[in-house]
Amino acid sequence: IPVRQNNKIRIQFAGEGTHHRIFQTCVGAFLSGRREADRVLSSI
């Protein structure tokens, strides 16, 4: 879940609680980490 400032991503939140379907699982934590890593890489 990104937090933006001046239309730039400043903070990314990842973890099992941030996945929209697979919360409270290791898979949800992994997928949310990948999601945020992809967002970081695409903003560089």
PDB file of N, CA and C in Angstrom:
ATOM      1  N   ILE A   1       0.862  -1.166   0.000  1.00  0.00           N
ATOM      2  CA  ILE A   1       0.000   0.000   0.000  1.00  0.00           C
ATOM      3  C   ILE A   1       0.904   1.223   0.000  1.00  0.00           C
ATOM      4  N   PRO A   2       0.984   1.952  -1.095  1.00  0.00           N
ATOM      5  CA  PRO A   2       1.898   3.088  -1.150  1.00  0.00           C
ATOM      6  C   PRO A   2       1.307   4.350  -0.538  1.00  0.00           C
ATOM      7  N   VAL A   3       2.175   5.161   0.036  1.00  0.00           N
ATOM      8  CA  VAL A   3       1.815   6.499   0.506  1.00  0.00           C
ATOM      9  C   VAL A   3       2.555   7.471  -0.402  1.00  0.00           C
ATOM     10  N   ARG A   4       1.807   8.368  -1.024  1.00  0.00           N
ATOM     11  CA  ARG A   4       2.403   9.290  -1.992  1.00  0.00           C
ATOM     12  C   ARG A   4       2.510  10.697  -1.433  1.00  0.00           C
ATOM     13  N   GLN A   5       3.547  11.397  -1.895  1.00  0.00           N
ATOM     14  CA  GLN A   5       3.723  12.811  -1.595  1.00  0.00           C
ATOM     15  C   GLN A   5       4.219  13.468  -2.870  1.00  0.00           C
ATOM     16  N   ASN A   6       3.527  14.491  -3.320  1.00  0.00           N
ATOM     17  CA  ASN A   6       3.858  15.145  -4.595  1.00  0.00           C
ATOM     18  C   ASN A   6       3.900  14.134  -5.737  1.00  0.00           C
ATOM     19  N   ASN A   7       2.956  13.206  -5.711  1.00  0.00           N
ATOM     20  CA  ASN A   7       2.795  12.157  -6.723  1.00  0.00           C
ATOM     21  C   ASN A   7       3.991  11.209  -6.812  1.00  0.00           C
ATOM     22  N   LYS A   8       4.817  11.156  -5.771  1.00  0.00           N
ATOM     23  CA  LYS A   8       5.923  10.202  -5.699  1.00  0.00           C
ATOM     24  C   LYS A   8       5.685   9.282  -4.513  1.00  0.00           C
ATOM     25  N   ILE A   9       5.989   8.010  -4.701  1.00  0.00           N
ATOM     26  CA  ILE A   9       5.818   7.048  -3.620  1.00  0.00           C
ATOM     27  C   ILE A   9       6.897   7.294  -2.575  1.00  0.00           C
ATOM     28  N   ARG A  10       6.484   7.485  -1.329  1.00  0.00           N
ATOM     29  CA  ARG A  10       7.422   7.746  -0.239  1.00  0.00           C
ATOM     30  C   ARG A  10       7.552   6.559   0.705  1.00  0.00           C
ATOM     31  N   ILE A  11       6.452   5.889   0.978  1.00  0.00           N
ATOM     32  CA  ILE A  11       6.446   4.776   1.927  1.00  0.00           C
ATOM     33  C   ILE A  11       5.657   3.631   1.313  1.00  0.00           C
ATOM     34  N   GLN A  12       6.161   2.419   1.465  1.00  0.00           N
ATOM     35  CA  GLN A  12       5.439   1.226   1.048  1.00  0.00           C
ATOM     36  C   GLN A  12       5.171   0.368   2.272  1.00  0.00           C
ATOM     37  N   PHE A  13       3.974  -0.150   2.365  1.00  0.00           N
ATOM     38  CA  PHE A  13       3.631  -1.070   3.439  1.00  0.00           C
ATOM     39  C   PHE A  13       3.397  -2.446   2.832  1.00  0.00           C
ATOM     40  N   ALA A  14       4.040  -3.454   3.393  1.00  0.00           N
ATOM     41  CA  ALA A  14       3.852  -4.830   2.955  1.00  0.00           C
ATOM     42  C   ALA A  14       3.664  -5.694   4.191  1.00  0.00           C
ATOM     43  N   GLY A  15       3.111  -6.851   3.982  1.00  0.00           N
ATOM     44  CA  GLY A  15       2.892  -7.785   5.079  1.00  0.00           C
ATOM     45  C   GLY A  15       1.594  -8.530   4.874  1.00  0.00           C
ATOM     46  N   GLU A  16       1.409  -9.563   5.630  1.00  0.00           N
ATOM     47  CA  GLU A  16       0.234 -10.409   5.429  1.00  0.00           C
ATOM     48  C   GLU A  16      -1.068  -9.650   5.621  1.00  0.00           C
ATOM     49  N   GLY A  17      -1.066  -8.623   6.443  1.00  0.00           N
ATOM     50  CA  GLY A  17      -2.283  -7.860   6.686  1.00  0.00           C
ATOM     51  C   GLY A  17      -2.639  -6.889   5.575  1.00  0.00           C
ATOM     52  N   THR A  18      -1.728  -6.676   4.623  1.00  0.00           N
ATOM     53  CA  THR A  18      -1.998  -5.721   3.551  1.00  0.00           C
ATOM     54  C   THR A  18      -2.457  -6.381   2.260  1.00  0.00           C
ATOM     55  N   HIS A  19      -2.467  -7.696   2.212  1.00  0.00           N
ATOM     56  CA  HIS A  19      -2.951  -8.378   1.008  1.00  0.00           C
ATOM     57  C   HIS A  19      -4.469  -8.397   1.037  1.00  0.00           C
ATOM     58  N   HIS A  20      -5.094  -8.106  -0.096  1.00  0.00           N
ATOM     59  CA  HIS A  20      -6.551  -7.950  -0.128  1.00  0.00           C
ATOM     60  C   HIS A  20      -7.336  -9.259  -0.046  1.00  0.00           C
ATOM     61  N   ARG A  21      -6.725 -10.395  -0.349  1.00  0.00           N
ATOM     62  CA  ARG A  21      -7.449 -11.667  -0.291  1.00  0.00           C
ATOM     63  C   ARG A  21      -6.802 -12.704   0.612  1.00  0.00           C
ATOM     64  N   ILE A  22      -5.477 -12.752   0.644  1.00  0.00           N
ATOM     65  CA  ILE A  22      -4.778 -13.840   1.333  1.00  0.00           C
ATOM     66  C   ILE A  22      -4.107 -13.300   2.593  1.00  0.00           C
ATOM     67  N   PHE A  23      -4.881 -12.667   3.476  1.00  0.00           N
ATOM     68  CA  PHE A  23      -4.314 -12.139   4.711  1.00  0.00           C
ATOM     69  C   PHE A  23      -4.144 -13.262   5.724  1.00  0.00           C
ATOM     70  N   GLN A  24      -3.304 -13.045   6.701  1.00  0.00           N
ATOM     71  CA  GLN A  24      -2.976 -13.992   7.770  1.00  0.00           C
ATOM     72  C   GLN A  24      -2.323 -15.269   7.247  1.00  0.00           C
ATOM     73  N   THR A  25      -1.550 -15.147   6.165  1.00  0.00           N
ATOM     74  CA  THR A  25      -0.820 -16.299   5.634  1.00  0.00           C
ATOM     75  C   THR A  25       0.587 -15.862   5.211  1.00  0.00           C
ATOM     76  N   CYS A  26       1.487 -16.823   5.150  1.00  0.00           N
ATOM     77  CA  CYS A  26       2.840 -16.547   4.649  1.00  0.00           C
ATOM     78  C   CYS A  26       2.800 -16.171   3.175  1.00  0.00           C
ATOM     79  N   VAL A  27       1.902 -16.796   2.429  1.00  0.00           N
ATOM     80  CA  VAL A  27       1.780 -16.490   1.002  1.00  0.00           C
ATOM     81  C   VAL A  27       1.349 -15.033   0.814  1.00  0.00           C
ATOM     82  N   GLY A  28       0.402 -14.572   1.616  1.00  0.00           N
ATOM     83  CA  GLY A  28      -0.026 -13.177   1.538  1.00  0.00           C
ATOM     84  C   GLY A  28       1.104 -12.219   1.847  1.00  0.00           C
ATOM     85  N   ALA A  29       1.925 -12.546   2.834  1.00  0.00           N
ATOM     86  CA  ALA A  29       3.081 -11.714   3.176  1.00  0.00           C
ATOM     87  C   ALA A  29       4.076 -11.674   2.026  1.00  0.00           C
ATOM     88  N   PHE A  30       4.354 -12.820   1.444  1.00  0.00           N
ATOM     89  CA  PHE A  30       5.287 -12.902   0.322  1.00  0.00           C
ATOM     90  C   PHE A  30       4.780 -12.094  -0.870  1.00  0.00           C
ATOM     91  N   LEU A  31       3.516 -12.296  -1.226  1.00  0.00           N
ATOM     92  CA  LEU A  31       2.957 -11.606  -2.389  1.00  0.00           C
ATOM     93  C   LEU A  31       2.894 -10.094  -2.182  1.00  0.00           C
ATOM     94  N   SER A  32       2.576  -9.659  -0.981  1.00  0.00           N
ATOM     95  CA  SER A  32       2.533  -8.216  -0.741  1.00  0.00           C
ATOM     96  C   SER A  32       3.942  -7.621  -0.782  1.00  0.00           C
ATOM     97  N   GLY A  33       4.932  -8.361  -0.343  1.00  0.00           N
ATOM     98  CA  GLY A  33       6.315  -7.909  -0.454  1.00  0.00           C
ATOM     99  C   GLY A  33       6.753  -7.768  -1.892  1.00  0.00           C
ATOM    100  N   ARG A  34       6.374  -8.729  -2.704  1.00  0.00           N
ATOM    101  CA  ARG A  34       6.691  -8.644  -4.137  1.00  0.00           C
ATOM    102  C   ARG A  34       5.970  -7.476  -4.786  1.00  0.00           C
ATOM    103  N   ARG A  35       4.716  -7.267  -4.401  1.00  0.00           N
ATOM    104  CA  ARG A  35       3.923  -6.158  -4.951  1.00  0.00           C
ATOM    105  C   ARG A  35       4.624  -4.827  -4.684  1.00  0.00           C
ATOM    106  N   GLU A  36       5.059  -4.623  -3.449  1.00  0.00           N
ATOM    107  CA  GLU A  36       5.703  -3.356  -3.099  1.00  0.00           C
ATOM    108  C   GLU A  36       7.090  -3.241  -3.706  1.00  0.00           C
ATOM    109  N   ALA A  37       7.809  -4.343  -3.816  1.00  0.00           N
ATOM    110  CA  ALA A  37       9.120  -4.314  -4.480  1.00  0.00           C
ATOM    111  C   ALA A  37       8.962  -3.924  -5.945  1.00  0.00           C
ATOM    112  N   ASP A  38       7.937  -4.444  -6.598  1.00  0.00           N
ATOM    113  CA  ASP A  38       7.670  -4.074  -7.991  1.00  0.00           C
ATOM    114  C   ASP A  38       7.351  -2.589  -8.111  1.00  0.00           C
ATOM    115  N   ARG A  39       6.598  -2.059  -7.150  1.00  0.00           N
ATOM    116  CA  ARG A  39       6.281  -0.624  -7.175  1.00  0.00           C
ATOM    117  C   ARG A  39       7.537   0.219  -7.004  1.00  0.00           C
ATOM    118  N   VAL A  40       8.426  -0.202  -6.121  1.00  0.00           N
ATOM    119  CA  VAL A  40       9.681   0.534  -5.915  1.00  0.00           C
ATOM    120  C   VAL A  40      10.507   0.519  -7.190  1.00  0.00           C
ATOM    121  N   LEU A  41      10.659  -0.652  -7.780  1.00  0.00           N
ATOM    122  CA  LEU A  41      11.470  -0.766  -8.989  1.00  0.00           C
ATOM    123  C   LEU A  41      10.882   0.021 -10.149  1.00  0.00           C
ATOM    124  N   SER A  42       9.561   0.053 -10.258  1.00  0.00           N
ATOM    125  CA  SER A  42       8.949   0.787 -11.370  1.00  0.00           C
ATOM    126  C   SER A  42       9.031   2.300 -11.176  1.00  0.00           C
ATOM    127  N   SER A  43       9.257   2.748  -9.946  1.00  0.00           N
ATOM    128  CA  SER A  43       9.343   4.190  -9.708  1.00  0.00           C
ATOM    129  C   SER A  43      10.759   4.731  -9.854  1.00  0.00           C
ATOM    130  N   ILE A  44      11.721   3.840 -10.033  1.00  0.00           N
ATOM    131  CA  ILE A  44      13.126   4.267 -10.172  1.00  0.00           C
ATOM    132  C   ILE A  44      13.395   4.679 -11.611  1.00  0.00           C
TER     133      ILE A  44
END
